[in-house]
Amino acid sequence: MEGARLPTHLEVTGLIRAAQQQGGFATVLRSGERDAGTLAILTTNSGNNTMLWERLPRLDGDRIFECTKQQDTENKEDFEDYLARRMARDPDLWILELDGPEMERLVAEWAR
């Protein structure tokens, strides 16, 4: 079925398993609407190089994950404030954290 979207809870489960298969760790920081919630992903490697990935529309109609925010080690509060604003704007938002090496590559390739 073209254009069909995987329910969010199943996508989260798949990402958790994929992260674990690569030797990483995954946890759901916030659960949103089970089937149609928006998914945001935090990638980190032992608390370093934390990045927020969100699915954004492209001109060709596809929706892929792109990094929308990186945590500045000198100003971590800015990153936390941004996440708080995102959660306030979207009560259906899921936030999944993937921790380990190469998690950025996993997310970038996930929707392709």
Protein backbone atom coordinates (compact mmCIF):
# COMPACT_ATOMS: atom_id res chain seq x y z
CA MET A 1 0.00 0.00 0.00
CA GLU A 2 1.81 3.12 -1.22
CA GLY A 3 1.95 6.00 1.22
CA ALA A 4 1.04 3.75 4.14
CA ARG A 5 2.70 4.64 7.38
CA LEU A 6 3.83 2.17 10.00
CA PRO A 7 2.09 2.75 13.35
CA THR A 8 4.41 4.68 15.64
CA HIS A 9 4.58 2.06 18.38
CA LEU A 10 5.75 -0.54 15.83
CA GLU A 11 8.34 1.84 14.39
CA VAL A 12 9.66 2.51 17.91
CA THR A 13 9.89 -1.23 18.58
CA GLY A 14 11.80 -1.73 15.32
CA LEU A 15 14.25 1.05 16.12
CA ILE A 16 14.86 -0.33 19.61
CA ARG A 17 15.67 -3.75 18.18
CA ALA A 18 17.89 -2.29 15.46
CA ALA A 19 19.85 -0.27 18.05
CA GLN A 20 20.28 -3.34 20.24
CA GLN A 21 21.48 -5.42 17.28
CA GLN A 22 24.19 -2.83 16.74
CA GLY A 23 25.28 -3.06 20.37
CA GLY A 24 23.45 0.08 21.46
CA PHE A 25 20.86 0.83 24.09
CA ALA A 26 17.41 2.32 23.51
CA THR A 27 14.72 3.72 25.77
CA VAL A 28 11.41 5.47 25.29
CA LEU A 29 11.63 8.80 27.10
CA ARG A 30 8.07 9.78 26.22
CA SER A 31 5.19 7.83 24.70
CA GLY A 32 2.85 9.64 22.39
CA GLU A 33 -0.24 8.58 20.48
CA ARG A 34 0.10 4.84 19.83
CA ASP A 35 -0.57 4.69 16.11
CA ALA A 36 -0.19 8.17 14.64
CA GLY A 37 2.08 10.02 17.06
CA THR A 38 5.03 12.01 15.80
CA LEU A 39 8.40 10.41 16.47
CA ALA A 40 11.50 12.33 17.53
CA ILE A 41 14.75 10.49 18.16
CA LEU A 42 17.66 11.47 20.36
CA THR A 43 20.98 9.90 19.46
CA THR A 44 23.92 9.97 21.81
CA ASN A 45 27.07 8.04 22.54
CA SER A 46 27.45 7.78 26.32
CA GLY A 47 26.00 11.28 26.70
CA ASN A 48 28.23 12.84 24.03
CA ASN A 49 27.27 14.34 20.68
CA THR A 50 23.54 14.32 21.47
CA MET A 51 21.38 15.09 18.45
CA LEU A 52 17.63 15.38 17.88
CA TRP A 53 16.22 13.81 14.71
CA GLU A 54 12.77 14.60 13.35
CA ARG A 55 10.98 13.37 10.25
CA LEU A 56 10.69 16.25 7.81
CA PRO A 57 8.91 16.40 4.45
CA ARG A 58 10.97 16.68 1.29
CA LEU A 59 10.04 18.19 -2.05
CA ASP A 60 9.60 14.72 -3.58
CA GLY A 61 6.94 13.88 -0.98
CA ASP A 62 9.14 11.57 1.09
CA ARG A 63 9.56 12.14 4.82
CA ILE A 64 13.00 11.31 6.19
CA PHE A 65 14.70 11.82 9.51
CA GLU A 66 16.97 14.83 9.62
CA CYS A 67 18.97 16.28 12.49
CA THR A 68 17.10 19.38 13.70
CA LYS A 69 19.10 20.19 16.84
CA GLN A 70 22.51 19.36 18.32
CA GLN A 71 23.33 19.71 21.99
CA ASP A 72 25.99 22.29 22.76
CA THR A 73 28.15 20.92 25.57
CA GLU A 74 28.62 24.47 26.85
CA ASN A 75 24.87 25.20 26.93
CA LYS A 76 22.91 21.98 27.59
CA GLU A 77 19.95 23.98 28.89
CA ASP A 78 19.23 25.30 25.39
CA PHE A 79 18.76 21.74 24.12
CA GLU A 80 16.54 20.80 27.07
CA ASP A 81 14.44 23.96 26.56
CA TYR A 82 14.00 23.10 22.88
CA LEU A 83 12.78 19.59 23.77
CA ALA A 84 10.37 21.01 26.35
CA ARG A 85 8.91 23.39 23.75
CA ARG A 86 8.52 20.52 21.23
CA MET A 87 6.70 18.41 23.82
CA ALA A 88 4.42 21.31 24.77
CA ARG A 89 3.48 21.87 21.11
CA ASP A 90 2.78 18.21 20.34
CA PRO A 91 1.08 16.13 23.02
CA ASP A 92 1.23 13.08 20.71
CA LEU A 93 5.03 13.26 20.41
CA TRP A 94 7.14 10.19 21.10
CA ILE A 95 10.75 10.66 22.15
CA LEU A 96 13.08 7.71 21.71
CA GLU A 97 16.69 7.79 22.85
CA LEU A 98 19.28 5.63 21.10
CA ASP A 99 22.65 5.42 22.83
CA GLY A 100 25.71 3.90 21.22
CA PRO A 101 28.16 4.25 18.36
CA GLU A 102 26.72 4.72 14.88
CA MET A 103 23.18 5.55 16.08
CA GLU A 104 23.15 8.63 13.81
CA ARG A 105 23.73 6.40 10.80
CA LEU A 106 20.97 4.01 11.94
CA VAL A 107 18.45 6.88 12.12
CA ALA A 108 19.56 8.44 8.83
CA GLU A 109 19.10 5.12 7.05
CA TRP A 110 15.93 4.04 8.89
CA ALA A 111 13.31 5.67 6.67
CA ARG A 112 15.05 5.01 3.36
